[in-house]
Full PDB file with SEQRES, HELIX, SHEET, SSBOND, CRYST1, ORIGX, SCALE, CONECT and MASTER records, all heavy atoms in Angstrom:
SEQRES   1 A   38  ARG VAL LYS LYS TYR GLN GLU TYR PHE ASP LYS LYS PRO          
SEQRES   2 A   38  GLU LYS ILE ARG VAL LYS GLU LEU LYS ASN LYS TRP GLY          
SEQRES   3 A   38  THR CYS THR GLY LYS ASN ASN ILE SER ILE ASN TRP              
HELIX    1 AA1 VAL A    2  TYR A    5  1                                   4    
HELIX    2 AA2 GLN A    6  TYR A    8  5                                   3    
SHEET    1 AA1 3 LYS A  15  LYS A  19  0                                        
SHEET    2 AA1 3 ASN A  33  ASN A  37  1                                        
SHEET    3 AA1 3 GLY A  26  CYS A  28 -1                                        
CRYST1    1.000    1.000    1.000  90.00  90.00  90.00 P 1           1          
ORIGX1      1.000000  0.000000  0.000000        0.00000                         
ORIGX2      0.000000  1.000000  0.000000        0.00000                         
ORIGX3      0.000000  0.000000  1.000000        0.00000                         
SCALE1      1.000000  0.000000  0.000000        0.00000                         
SCALE2      0.000000  1.000000  0.000000        0.00000                         
SCALE3      0.000000  0.000000  1.000000        0.00000                         
ATOM      1  N   ARG A   1      -8.564 -42.568   2.225  1.00  0.00           N  
ATOM      2  CA  ARG A   1      -7.451 -42.923   3.118  1.00  0.00           C  
ATOM      3  C   ARG A   1      -7.673 -42.342   4.521  1.00  0.00           C  
ATOM      4  O   ARG A   1      -7.333 -42.975   5.519  1.00  0.00           O  
ATOM      5  CB  ARG A   1      -6.115 -42.426   2.539  1.00  0.00           C  
ATOM      6  CG  ARG A   1      -5.764 -42.906   1.149  1.00  0.00           C  
ATOM      7  CD  ARG A   1      -6.002 -44.380   0.934  1.00  0.00           C  
ATOM      8  NE  ARG A   1      -5.047 -45.229   1.666  1.00  0.00           N  
ATOM      9  CZ  ARG A   1      -5.136 -46.532   1.738  1.00  0.00           C  
ATOM     10  NH1 ARG A   1      -6.155 -47.154   1.151  1.00  0.00           N  
ATOM     11  NH2 ARG A   1      -4.236 -47.233   2.402  1.00  0.00           N  
ATOM     12  N   VAL A   2      -8.240 -41.155   4.602  1.00  0.00           N  
ATOM     13  CA  VAL A   2      -8.571 -40.569   5.910  1.00  0.00           C  
ATOM     14  C   VAL A   2      -9.563 -41.464   6.636  1.00  0.00           C  
ATOM     15  O   VAL A   2      -9.407 -41.766   7.825  1.00  0.00           O  
ATOM     16  CB  VAL A   2      -9.128 -39.140   5.760  1.00  0.00           C  
ATOM     17  CG1 VAL A   2      -9.678 -38.641   7.093  1.00  0.00           C  
ATOM     18  CG2 VAL A   2      -8.057 -38.187   5.243  1.00  0.00           C  
ATOM     19  N   LYS A   3     -10.582 -41.897   5.933  1.00  0.00           N  
ATOM     20  CA  LYS A   3     -11.603 -42.771   6.525  1.00  0.00           C  
ATOM     21  C   LYS A   3     -10.971 -44.053   7.052  1.00  0.00           C  
ATOM     22  O   LYS A   3     -11.333 -44.547   8.132  1.00  0.00           O  
ATOM     23  CB  LYS A   3     -12.668 -43.086   5.476  1.00  0.00           C  
ATOM     24  CG  LYS A   3     -13.840 -43.897   6.014  1.00  0.00           C  
ATOM     25  CD  LYS A   3     -14.887 -44.112   4.929  1.00  0.00           C  
ATOM     26  CE  LYS A   3     -16.062 -44.931   5.451  1.00  0.00           C  
ATOM     27  NZ  LYS A   3     -17.090 -45.156   4.388  1.00  0.00           N  
ATOM     28  N   LYS A   4     -10.020 -44.591   6.315  1.00  0.00           N  
ATOM     29  CA  LYS A   4      -9.341 -45.833   6.725  1.00  0.00           C  
ATOM     30  C   LYS A   4      -8.611 -45.667   8.049  1.00  0.00           C  
ATOM     31  O   LYS A   4      -8.648 -46.558   8.906  1.00  0.00           O  
ATOM     32  CB  LYS A   4      -8.346 -46.259   5.637  1.00  0.00           C  
ATOM     33  CG  LYS A   4      -7.422 -47.417   6.027  1.00  0.00           C  
ATOM     34  CD  LYS A   4      -6.447 -47.735   4.913  1.00  0.00           C  
ATOM     35  CE  LYS A   4      -5.369 -48.713   5.361  1.00  0.00           C  
ATOM     36  NZ  LYS A   4      -5.911 -50.057   5.659  1.00  0.00           N  
ATOM     37  N   TYR A   5      -7.943 -44.518   8.253  1.00  0.00           N  
ATOM     38  CA  TYR A   5      -7.091 -44.340   9.438  1.00  0.00           C  
ATOM     39  C   TYR A   5      -7.780 -43.626  10.597  1.00  0.00           C  
ATOM     40  O   TYR A   5      -7.233 -43.588  11.703  1.00  0.00           O  
ATOM     41  CB  TYR A   5      -5.804 -43.602   9.047  1.00  0.00           C  
ATOM     42  CG  TYR A   5      -4.861 -44.473   8.255  1.00  0.00           C  
ATOM     43  CD1 TYR A   5      -4.747 -44.345   6.868  1.00  0.00           C  
ATOM     44  CD2 TYR A   5      -4.109 -45.476   8.879  1.00  0.00           C  
ATOM     45  CE1 TYR A   5      -3.900 -45.157   6.128  1.00  0.00           C  
ATOM     46  CE2 TYR A   5      -3.258 -46.288   8.146  1.00  0.00           C  
ATOM     47  CZ  TYR A   5      -3.160 -46.132   6.777  1.00  0.00           C  
ATOM     48  OH  TYR A   5      -2.317 -46.950   6.058  1.00  0.00           O  
ATOM     49  N   GLN A   6      -8.988 -43.095  10.377  1.00  0.00           N  
ATOM     50  CA  GLN A   6      -9.693 -42.411  11.461  1.00  0.00           C  
ATOM     51  C   GLN A   6      -9.996 -43.345  12.629  1.00  0.00           C  
ATOM     52  O   GLN A   6     -10.124 -42.903  13.773  1.00  0.00           O  
ATOM     53  CB  GLN A   6     -11.003 -41.809  10.937  1.00  0.00           C  
ATOM     54  CG  GLN A   6     -10.833 -40.457  10.307  1.00  0.00           C  
ATOM     55  CD  GLN A   6     -12.163 -39.799   9.972  1.00  0.00           C  
ATOM     56  OE1 GLN A   6     -12.264 -38.587   9.941  1.00  0.00           O  
ATOM     57  NE2 GLN A   6     -13.189 -40.588   9.712  1.00  0.00           N  
ATOM     58  N   GLU A   7     -10.098 -44.633  12.358  1.00  0.00           N  
ATOM     59  CA  GLU A   7     -10.454 -45.591  13.414  1.00  0.00           C  
ATOM     60  C   GLU A   7      -9.403 -45.666  14.518  1.00  0.00           C  
ATOM     61  O   GLU A   7      -9.678 -46.162  15.611  1.00  0.00           O  
ATOM     62  CB  GLU A   7     -10.672 -46.974  12.807  1.00  0.00           C  
ATOM     63  CG  GLU A   7      -9.423 -47.584  12.185  1.00  0.00           C  
ATOM     64  CD  GLU A   7      -9.693 -48.929  11.506  1.00  0.00           C  
ATOM     65  OE1 GLU A   7     -10.591 -48.992  10.656  1.00  0.00           O  
ATOM     66  OE2 GLU A   7      -8.993 -49.891  11.859  1.00  0.00           O  
ATOM     67  N   TYR A   8      -8.186 -45.189  14.234  1.00  0.00           N  
ATOM     68  CA  TYR A   8      -7.123 -45.207  15.241  1.00  0.00           C  
ATOM     69  C   TYR A   8      -7.247 -44.051  16.238  1.00  0.00           C  
ATOM     70  O   TYR A   8      -6.485 -43.998  17.206  1.00  0.00           O  
ATOM     71  CB  TYR A   8      -5.754 -45.113  14.559  1.00  0.00           C  
ATOM     72  CG  TYR A   8      -5.367 -46.332  13.762  1.00  0.00           C  
ATOM     73  CD1 TYR A   8      -5.676 -46.424  12.403  1.00  0.00           C  
ATOM     74  CD2 TYR A   8      -4.691 -47.404  14.354  1.00  0.00           C  
ATOM     75  CE1 TYR A   8      -5.316 -47.538  11.653  1.00  0.00           C  
ATOM     76  CE2 TYR A   8      -4.332 -48.520  13.615  1.00  0.00           C  
ATOM     77  CZ  TYR A   8      -4.653 -48.585  12.265  1.00  0.00           C  
ATOM     78  OH  TYR A   8      -4.294 -49.683  11.527  1.00  0.00           O  
ATOM     79  N   PHE A   9      -8.164 -43.127  16.005  1.00  0.00           N  
ATOM     80  CA  PHE A   9      -8.213 -41.901  16.795  1.00  0.00           C  
ATOM     81  C   PHE A   9      -9.574 -41.707  17.447  1.00  0.00           C  
ATOM     82  O   PHE A   9     -10.615 -41.998  16.862  1.00  0.00           O  
ATOM     83  CB  PHE A   9      -7.911 -40.688  15.901  1.00  0.00           C  
ATOM     84  CG  PHE A   9      -6.558 -40.756  15.234  1.00  0.00           C  
ATOM     85  CD1 PHE A   9      -6.400 -41.379  14.005  1.00  0.00           C  
ATOM     86  CD2 PHE A   9      -5.430 -40.229  15.860  1.00  0.00           C  
ATOM     87  CE1 PHE A   9      -5.167 -41.466  13.394  1.00  0.00           C  
ATOM     88  CE2 PHE A   9      -4.192 -40.316  15.257  1.00  0.00           C  
ATOM     89  CZ  PHE A   9      -4.054 -40.935  14.029  1.00  0.00           C  
ATOM     90  N   ASP A  10      -9.532 -41.188  18.691  1.00  0.00           N  
ATOM     91  CA  ASP A  10     -10.776 -40.852  19.389  1.00  0.00           C  
ATOM     92  C   ASP A  10     -11.392 -39.588  18.799  1.00  0.00           C  
ATOM     93  O   ASP A  10     -12.601 -39.497  18.618  1.00  0.00           O  
ATOM     94  CB  ASP A  10     -10.511 -40.646  20.888  1.00  0.00           C  
ATOM     95  CG  ASP A  10     -10.052 -41.934  21.552  1.00  0.00           C  
ATOM     96  OD1 ASP A  10     -10.493 -43.016  21.109  1.00  0.00           O  
ATOM     97  OD2 ASP A  10      -9.235 -41.860  22.494  1.00  0.00           O  
ATOM     98  N   LYS A  11     -10.535 -38.600  18.509  1.00  0.00           N  
ATOM     99  CA  LYS A  11     -11.009 -37.358  17.899  1.00  0.00           C  
ATOM    100  C   LYS A  11     -11.146 -37.535  16.397  1.00  0.00           C  
ATOM    101  O   LYS A  11     -10.395 -38.289  15.784  1.00  0.00           O  
ATOM    102  CB  LYS A  11     -10.038 -36.214  18.195  1.00  0.00           C  
ATOM    103  CG  LYS A  11      -9.970 -35.798  19.646  1.00  0.00           C  
ATOM    104  CD  LYS A  11      -8.992 -34.633  19.815  1.00  0.00           C  
ATOM    105  CE  LYS A  11      -8.915 -34.217  21.276  1.00  0.00           C  
ATOM    106  NZ  LYS A  11      -7.950 -33.104  21.463  1.00  0.00           N  
ATOM    107  N   LYS A  12     -12.083 -36.824  15.818  1.00  0.00           N  
ATOM    108  CA  LYS A  12     -12.287 -36.836  14.374  1.00  0.00           C  
ATOM    109  C   LYS A  12     -12.056 -35.426  13.823  1.00  0.00           C  
ATOM    110  O   LYS A  12     -12.319 -34.443  14.513  1.00  0.00           O  
ATOM    111  CB  LYS A  12     -13.715 -37.294  14.015  1.00  0.00           C  
ATOM    112  CG  LYS A  12     -14.106 -38.636  14.613  1.00  0.00           C  
ATOM    113  CD  LYS A  12     -13.247 -39.765  14.089  1.00  0.00           C  
ATOM    114  CE  LYS A  12     -13.659 -41.103  14.709  1.00  0.00           C  
ATOM    115  NZ  LYS A  12     -12.738 -42.188  14.361  1.00  0.00           N  
ATOM    116  N   PRO A  13     -11.583 -35.321  12.592  1.00  0.00           N  
ATOM    117  CA  PRO A  13     -11.419 -33.982  12.002  1.00  0.00           C  
ATOM    118  C   PRO A  13     -12.766 -33.291  11.856  1.00  0.00           C  
ATOM    119  O   PRO A  13     -13.778 -33.939  11.553  1.00  0.00           O  
ATOM    120  CB  PRO A  13     -10.812 -34.279  10.620  1.00  0.00           C  
ATOM    121  CG  PRO A  13     -10.338 -35.687  10.676  1.00  0.00           C  
ATOM    122  CD  PRO A  13     -11.184 -36.395  11.672  1.00  0.00           C  
ATOM    123  N   GLU A  14     -12.787 -31.985  12.080  1.00  0.00           N  
ATOM    124  CA  GLU A  14     -14.007 -31.210  11.859  1.00  0.00           C  
ATOM    125  C   GLU A  14     -14.301 -31.133  10.364  1.00  0.00           C  
ATOM    126  O   GLU A  14     -15.447 -31.287   9.937  1.00  0.00           O  
ATOM    127  CB  GLU A  14     -13.858 -29.802  12.444  1.00  0.00           C  
ATOM    128  CG  GLU A  14     -13.829 -29.762  13.965  1.00  0.00           C  
ATOM    129  CD  GLU A  14     -15.145 -30.244  14.580  1.00  0.00           C  
ATOM    130  OE1 GLU A  14     -16.217 -29.896  14.045  1.00  0.00           O  
ATOM    131  OE2 GLU A  14     -15.085 -30.991  15.570  1.00  0.00           O  
ATOM    132  N   LYS A  15     -13.259 -30.884   9.575  1.00  0.00           N  
ATOM    133  CA  LYS A  15     -13.394 -30.800   8.124  1.00  0.00           C  
ATOM    134  C   LYS A  15     -12.168 -31.417   7.464  1.00  0.00           C  
ATOM    135  O   LYS A  15     -11.065 -31.362   8.012  1.00  0.00           O  
ATOM    136  CB  LYS A  15     -13.531 -29.345   7.665  1.00  0.00           C  
ATOM    137  CG  LYS A  15     -14.824 -28.671   8.085  1.00  0.00           C  
ATOM    138  CD  LYS A  15     -14.862 -27.233   7.573  1.00  0.00           C  
ATOM    139  CE  LYS A  15     -16.140 -26.529   8.025  1.00  0.00           C  
ATOM    140  NZ  LYS A  15     -16.171 -25.111   7.572  1.00  0.00           N  
ATOM    141  N   ILE A  16     -12.364 -31.988   6.294  1.00  0.00           N  
ATOM    142  CA  ILE A  16     -11.261 -32.492   5.473  1.00  0.00           C  
ATOM    143  C   ILE A  16     -11.305 -31.741   4.146  1.00  0.00           C  
ATOM    144  O   ILE A  16     -12.308 -31.793   3.429  1.00  0.00           O  
ATOM    145  CB  ILE A  16     -11.375 -34.001   5.194  1.00  0.00           C  
ATOM    146  CG1 ILE A  16     -11.358 -34.812   6.491  1.00  0.00           C  
ATOM    147  CG2 ILE A  16     -10.252 -34.453   4.265  1.00  0.00           C  
ATOM    148  CD1 ILE A  16     -10.018 -34.822   7.186  1.00  0.00           C  
ATOM    149  N   ARG A  17     -10.233 -31.038   3.846  1.00  0.00           N  
ATOM    150  CA  ARG A  17     -10.155 -30.319   2.572  1.00  0.00           C  
ATOM    151  C   ARG A  17      -8.988 -30.862   1.758  1.00  0.00           C  
ATOM    152  O   ARG A  17      -7.908 -31.081   2.295  1.00  0.00           O  
ATOM    153  CB  ARG A  17      -9.958 -28.817   2.806  1.00  0.00           C  
ATOM    154  CG  ARG A  17     -11.101 -28.130   3.526  1.00  0.00           C  
ATOM    155  CD  ARG A  17     -10.872 -26.622   3.569  1.00  0.00           C  
ATOM    156  NE  ARG A  17     -11.953 -25.911   4.222  1.00  0.00           N  
ATOM    157  CZ  ARG A  17     -11.948 -25.554   5.510  1.00  0.00           C  
ATOM    158  NH1 ARG A  17     -10.898 -25.868   6.260  1.00  0.00           N  
ATOM    159  NH2 ARG A  17     -12.962 -24.915   6.036  1.00  0.00           N  
ATOM    160  N   VAL A  18      -9.219 -31.068   0.478  1.00  0.00           N  
ATOM    161  CA  VAL A  18      -8.160 -31.465  -0.443  1.00  0.00           C  
ATOM    162  C   VAL A  18      -7.971 -30.290  -1.384  1.00  0.00           C  
ATOM    163  O   VAL A  18      -8.879 -29.931  -2.140  1.00  0.00           O  
ATOM    164  CB  VAL A  18      -8.544 -32.743  -1.215  1.00  0.00           C  
ATOM    165  CG1 VAL A  18      -7.418 -33.145  -2.164  1.00  0.00           C  
ATOM    166  CG2 VAL A  18      -8.844 -33.881  -0.240  1.00  0.00           C  
ATOM    167  N   LYS A  19      -6.795 -29.669  -1.331  1.00  0.00           N  
ATOM    168  CA  LYS A  19      -6.611 -28.387  -2.015  1.00  0.00           C  
ATOM    169  C   LYS A  19      -5.151 -28.151  -2.361  1.00  0.00           C  
ATOM    170  O   LYS A  19      -4.277 -28.937  -1.987  1.00  0.00           O  
ATOM    171  CB  LYS A  19      -7.130 -27.253  -1.129  1.00  0.00           C  
ATOM    172  CG  LYS A  19      -6.465 -27.234   0.251  1.00  0.00           C  
ATOM    173  CD  LYS A  19      -7.132 -26.271   1.212  1.00  0.00           C  
ATOM    174  CE  LYS A  19      -6.756 -24.852   0.925  1.00  0.00           C  
ATOM    175  NZ  LYS A  19      -7.205 -23.927   1.977  1.00  0.00           N  
ATOM    176  N   GLU A  20      -4.900 -27.062  -3.049  1.00  0.00           N  
ATOM    177  CA  GLU A  20      -3.530 -26.621  -3.336  1.00  0.00           C  
ATOM    178  C   GLU A  20      -2.935 -26.025  -2.068  1.00  0.00           C  
ATOM    179  O   GLU A  20      -3.527 -25.147  -1.447  1.00  0.00           O  
ATOM    180  CB  GLU A  20      -3.547 -25.570  -4.445  1.00  0.00           C  
ATOM    181  CG  GLU A  20      -2.175 -25.051  -4.834  1.00  0.00           C  
ATOM    182  CD  GLU A  20      -1.445 -25.980  -5.786  1.00  0.00           C  
ATOM    183  OE1 GLU A  20      -2.103 -26.624  -6.616  1.00  0.00           O  
ATOM    184  OE2 GLU A  20      -0.217 -26.039  -5.698  1.00  0.00           O  
ATOM    185  N   LEU A  21      -1.778 -26.515  -1.664  1.00  0.00           N  
ATOM    186  CA  LEU A  21      -1.072 -25.979  -0.502  1.00  0.00           C  
ATOM    187  C   LEU A  21       0.334 -25.602  -0.936  1.00  0.00           C  
ATOM    188  O   LEU A  21       1.043 -26.406  -1.529  1.00  0.00           O  
ATOM    189  CB  LEU A  21      -1.000 -27.011   0.628  1.00  0.00           C  
ATOM    190  CG  LEU A  21      -2.314 -27.425   1.280  1.00  0.00           C  
ATOM    191  CD1 LEU A  21      -2.074 -28.562   2.260  1.00  0.00           C  
ATOM    192  CD2 LEU A  21      -2.975 -26.249   1.997  1.00  0.00           C  
ATOM    193  N   LYS A  22       0.749 -24.391  -0.642  1.00  0.00           N  
ATOM    194  CA  LYS A  22       2.096 -23.945  -0.993  1.00  0.00           C  
ATOM    195  C   LYS A  22       3.094 -24.404   0.061  1.00  0.00           C  
ATOM    196  O   LYS A  22       2.943 -24.105   1.240  1.00  0.00           O  
ATOM    197  CB  LYS A  22       2.136 -22.418  -1.129  1.00  0.00           C  
ATOM    198  CG  LYS A  22       1.376 -21.900  -2.341  1.00  0.00           C  
ATOM    199  CD  LYS A  22       1.555 -20.404  -2.500  1.00  0.00           C  
ATOM    200  CE  LYS A  22       0.837 -19.907  -3.756  1.00  0.00           C  
ATOM    201  NZ  LYS A  22       1.003 -18.436  -3.941  1.00  0.00           N  
ATOM    202  N   ASN A  23       4.092 -25.160  -0.370  1.00  0.00           N  
ATOM    203  CA  ASN A  23       5.202 -25.587   0.497  1.00  0.00           C  
ATOM    204  C   ASN A  23       4.776 -26.489   1.649  1.00  0.00           C  
ATOM    205  O   ASN A  23       5.502 -26.636   2.624  1.00  0.00           O  
ATOM    206  CB  ASN A  23       5.943 -24.362   1.065  1.00  0.00           C  
ATOM    207  CG  ASN A  23       6.460 -23.448  -0.023  1.00  0.00           C  
ATOM    208  OD1 ASN A  23       6.994 -23.918  -1.019  1.00  0.00           O  
ATOM    209  ND2 ASN A  23       6.274 -22.150   0.155  1.00  0.00           N  
ATOM    210  N   LYS A  24       3.588 -27.100   1.570  1.00  0.00           N  
ATOM    211  CA  LYS A  24       3.140 -28.022   2.608  1.00  0.00           C  
ATOM    212  C   LYS A  24       2.406 -29.190   1.957  1.00  0.00           C  
ATOM    213  O   LYS A  24       1.774 -29.041   0.909  1.00  0.00           O  
ATOM    214  CB  LYS A  24       2.194 -27.332   3.594  1.00  0.00           C  
ATOM    215  CG  LYS A  24       2.866 -26.323   4.519  1.00  0.00           C  
ATOM    216  CD  LYS A  24       1.853 -25.726   5.479  1.00  0.00           C  
ATOM    217  CE  LYS A  24       2.477 -24.684   6.387  1.00  0.00           C  
ATOM    218  NZ  LYS A  24       3.444 -25.275   7.326  1.00  0.00           N  
ATOM    219  N   TRP A  25       2.478 -30.351   2.617  1.00  0.00           N  
ATOM    220  CA  TRP A  25       1.715 -31.498   2.139  1.00  0.00           C  
ATOM    221  C   TRP A  25       0.428 -31.665   2.915  1.00  0.00           C  
ATOM    222  O   TRP A  25      -0.507 -32.308   2.439  1.00  0.00           O  
ATOM    223  CB  TRP A  25       2.564 -32.759   2.215  1.00  0.00           C  
ATOM    224  CG  TRP A  25       3.722 -32.692   1.275  1.00  0.00           C  
ATOM    225  CD1 TRP A  25       5.044 -32.573   1.596  1.00  0.00           C  
ATOM    226  CD2 TRP A  25       3.664 -32.665  -0.160  1.00  0.00           C  
ATOM    227  NE1 TRP A  25       5.804 -32.481   0.458  1.00  0.00           N  
ATOM    228  CE2 TRP A  25       4.991 -32.540  -0.634  1.00  0.00           C  
ATOM    229  CE3 TRP A  25       2.626 -32.740  -1.084  1.00  0.00           C  
ATOM    230  CZ2 TRP A  25       5.292 -32.498  -2.001  1.00  0.00           C  
ATOM    231  CZ3 TRP A  25       2.927 -32.693  -2.440  1.00  0.00           C  
ATOM    232  CH2 TRP A  25       4.237 -32.566  -2.880  1.00  0.00           C  
ATOM    233  N   GLY A  26       0.397 -31.097   4.096  1.00  0.00           N  
ATOM    234  CA  GLY A  26      -0.825 -31.163   4.887  1.00  0.00           C  
ATOM    235  C   GLY A  26      -0.773 -30.196   6.052  1.00  0.00           C  
ATOM    236  O   GLY A  26       0.309 -29.760   6.455  1.00  0.00           O  
ATOM    237  N   THR A  27      -1.945 -29.845   6.563  1.00  0.00           N  
ATOM    238  CA  THR A  27      -2.029 -28.984   7.743  1.00  0.00           C  
ATOM    239  C   THR A  27      -3.181 -29.460   8.622  1.00  0.00           C  
ATOM    240  O   THR A  27      -4.135 -30.073   8.140  1.00  0.00           O  
ATOM    241  CB  THR A  27      -2.285 -27.505   7.374  1.00  0.00           C  
ATOM    242  OG1 THR A  27      -3.562 -27.390   6.724  1.00  0.00           O  
ATOM    243  CG2 THR A  27      -1.191 -26.956   6.472  1.00  0.00           C  
ATOM    244  N   CYS A  28      -3.073 -29.161   9.916  1.00  0.00           N  
ATOM    245  CA  CYS A  28      -4.158 -29.421  10.866  1.00  0.00           C  
ATOM    246  C   CYS A  28      -4.261 -28.206  11.780  1.00  0.00           C  
ATOM    247  O   CYS A  28      -3.301 -27.869  12.477  1.00  0.00           O  
ATOM    248  CB  CYS A  28      -3.890 -30.686  11.672  1.00  0.00           C  
ATOM    249  SG  CYS A  28      -5.196 -31.074  12.868  1.00  0.00           S  
ATOM    250  N   THR A  29      -5.396 -27.535  11.761  1.00  0.00           N  
ATOM    251  CA  THR A  29      -5.556 -26.314  12.543  1.00  0.00           C  
ATOM    252  C   THR A  29      -5.896 -26.637  13.996  1.00  0.00           C  
ATOM    253  O   THR A  29      -6.198 -27.783  14.350  1.00  0.00           O  
ATOM    254  CB  THR A  29      -6.681 -25.437  11.962  1.00  0.00           C  
ATOM    255  OG1 THR A  29      -7.941 -26.100  12.173  1.00  0.00           O  
ATOM    256  CG2 THR A  29      -6.475 -25.205  10.474  1.00  0.00           C  
ATOM    257  N   GLY A  30      -5.888 -25.594  14.823  1.00  0.00           N  
ATOM    258  CA  GLY A  30      -6.266 -25.754  16.225  1.00  0.00           C  
ATOM    259  C   GLY A  30      -7.705 -26.216  16.395  1.00  0.00           C  
ATOM    260  O   GLY A  30      -8.068 -26.808  17.414  1.00  0.00           O  
ATOM    261  N   LYS A  31      -8.522 -25.961  15.384  1.00  0.00           N  
ATOM    262  CA  LYS A  31      -9.935 -26.387  15.408  1.00  0.00           C  
ATOM    263  C   LYS A  31     -10.136 -27.747  14.743  1.00  0.00           C  
ATOM    264  O   LYS A  31     -11.256 -28.166  14.474  1.00  0.00           O  
ATOM    265  CB  LYS A  31     -10.799 -25.335  14.718  1.00  0.00           C  
ATOM    266  CG  LYS A  31     -10.844 -24.005  15.465  1.00  0.00           C  
ATOM    267  CD  LYS A  31     -11.779 -23.024  14.772  1.00  0.00           C  
ATOM    268  CE  LYS A  31     -11.841 -21.704  15.538  1.00  0.00           C  
ATOM    269  NZ  LYS A  31     -12.760 -20.740  14.873  1.00  0.00           N  
ATOM    270  N   ASN A  32      -9.013 -28.431  14.469  1.00  0.00           N  
ATOM    271  CA  ASN A  32      -9.033 -29.783  13.895  1.00  0.00           C  
ATOM    272  C   ASN A  32      -9.598 -29.846  12.474  1.00  0.00           C  
ATOM    273  O   ASN A  32     -10.229 -30.831  12.077  1.00  0.00           O  
ATOM    274  CB  ASN A  32      -9.799 -30.758  14.804  1.00  0.00           C  
ATOM    275  CG  ASN A  32      -9.096 -30.977  16.124  1.00  0.00           C  
ATOM    276  OD1 ASN A  32      -7.869 -30.845  16.213  1.00  0.00           O  
ATOM    277  ND2 ASN A  32      -9.847 -31.278  17.165  1.00  0.00           N  
ATOM    278  N   ASN A  33      -9.351 -28.785  11.712  1.00  0.00           N  
ATOM    279  CA  ASN A  33      -9.641 -28.816  10.287  1.00  0.00           C  
ATOM    280  C   ASN A  33      -8.381 -29.270   9.554  1.00  0.00           C  
ATOM    281  O   ASN A  33      -7.323 -28.657   9.693  1.00  0.00           O  
ATOM    282  CB  ASN A  33     -10.054 -27.428   9.780  1.00  0.00           C  
ATOM    283  CG  ASN A  33     -11.361 -26.965  10.389  1.00  0.00           C  
ATOM    284  OD1 ASN A  33     -12.281 -27.755  10.561  1.00  0.00           O  
ATOM    285  ND2 ASN A  33     -11.439 -25.694  10.734  1.00  0.00           N  
ATOM    286  N   ILE A  34      -8.491 -30.347   8.793  1.00  0.00           N  
ATOM    287  CA  ILE A  34      -7.330 -30.905   8.100  1.00  0.00           C  
ATOM    288  C   ILE A  34      -7.386 -30.573   6.614  1.00  0.00           C  
ATOM    289  O   ILE A  34      -8.438 -30.705   5.976  1.00  0.00           O  
ATOM    290  CB  ILE A  34      -7.261 -32.430   8.306  1.00  0.00           C  
ATOM    291  CG1 ILE A  34      -6.828 -32.739   9.748  1.00  0.00           C  
ATOM    292  CG2 ILE A  34      -6.296 -33.088   7.317  1.00  0.00           C  
ATOM    293  CD1 ILE A  34      -6.774 -34.212  10.082  1.00  0.00           C  
ATOM    294  N   SER A  35      -6.255 -30.122   6.077  1.00  0.00           N  
ATOM    295  CA  SER A  35      -6.110 -29.885   4.641  1.00  0.00           C  
ATOM    296  C   SER A  35      -4.963 -30.754   4.127  1.00  0.00           C  
ATOM    297  O   SER A  35      -3.922 -30.849   4.769  1.00  0.00           O  
ATOM    298  CB  SER A  35      -5.808 -28.414   4.352  1.00  0.00           C  
ATOM    299  OG  SER A  35      -6.898 -27.584   4.719  1.00  0.00           O  
ATOM    300  N   ILE A  36      -5.174 -31.374   2.958  1.00  0.00           N  
ATOM    301  CA  ILE A  36      -4.170 -32.231   2.339  1.00  0.00           C  
ATOM    302  C   ILE A  36      -3.920 -31.732   0.917  1.00  0.00           C  
ATOM    303  O   ILE A  36      -4.865 -31.408   0.190  1.00  0.00           O  
ATOM    304  CB  ILE A  36      -4.620 -33.704   2.289  1.00  0.00           C  
ATOM    305  CG1 ILE A  36      -4.980 -34.224   3.685  1.00  0.00           C  
ATOM    306  CG2 ILE A  36      -3.549 -34.575   1.651  1.00  0.00           C  
ATOM    307  CD1 ILE A  36      -3.826 -34.438   4.623  1.00  0.00           C  
ATOM    308  N   ASN A  37      -2.660 -31.687   0.524  1.00  0.00           N  
ATOM    309  CA  ASN A  37      -2.288 -31.224  -0.812  1.00  0.00           C  
ATOM    310  C   ASN A  37      -2.731 -32.238  -1.874  1.00  0.00           C  
ATOM    311  O   ASN A  37      -2.356 -33.413  -1.824  1.00  0.00           O  
ATOM    312  CB  ASN A  37      -0.768 -31.033  -0.881  1.00  0.00           C  
ATOM    313  CG  ASN A  37      -0.332 -30.206  -2.066  1.00  0.00           C  
ATOM    314  OD1 ASN A  37      -0.881 -30.320  -3.160  1.00  0.00           O  
ATOM    315  ND2 ASN A  37       0.678 -29.382  -1.864  1.00  0.00           N  
ATOM    316  N   TRP A  38      -3.511 -31.771  -2.840  1.00  0.00           N  
ATOM    317  CA  TRP A  38      -4.035 -32.683  -3.877  1.00  0.00           C  
ATOM    318  C   TRP A  38      -2.929 -33.317  -4.714  1.00  0.00           C  
ATOM    319  O   TRP A  38      -3.135 -34.381  -5.310  1.00  0.00           O  
ATOM    320  CB  TRP A  38      -5.019 -31.955  -4.790  1.00  0.00           C  
ATOM    321  CG  TRP A  38      -4.427 -30.926  -5.703  1.00  0.00           C  
ATOM    322  CD1 TRP A  38      -4.340 -29.589  -5.482  1.00  0.00           C  
ATOM    323  CD2 TRP A  38      -3.828 -31.153  -6.989  1.00  0.00           C  
ATOM    324  NE1 TRP A  38      -3.723 -28.958  -6.537  1.00  0.00           N  
ATOM    325  CE2 TRP A  38      -3.405 -29.887  -7.482  1.00  0.00           C  
ATOM    326  CE3 TRP A  38      -3.609 -32.283  -7.784  1.00  0.00           C  
ATOM    327  CZ2 TRP A  38      -2.773 -29.741  -8.717  1.00  0.00           C  
ATOM    328  CZ3 TRP A  38      -2.975 -32.133  -9.014  1.00  0.00           C  
ATOM    329  CH2 TRP A  38      -2.571 -30.876  -9.469  1.00  0.00           C  
TER     330      TRP A  38                                                      
MASTER        0    0    0    2    3    0    0    6  329    1    0    3          
END                                                                             
């Protein structure tokens, strides 16, 4: 799904992580590392 929607953006994520996140469904850091709750 990330690959599908990346085409809308000039910037690309540095890293994509799928992991356990407490109280969040997703995060994006200042360094453009994205984490998504599995």
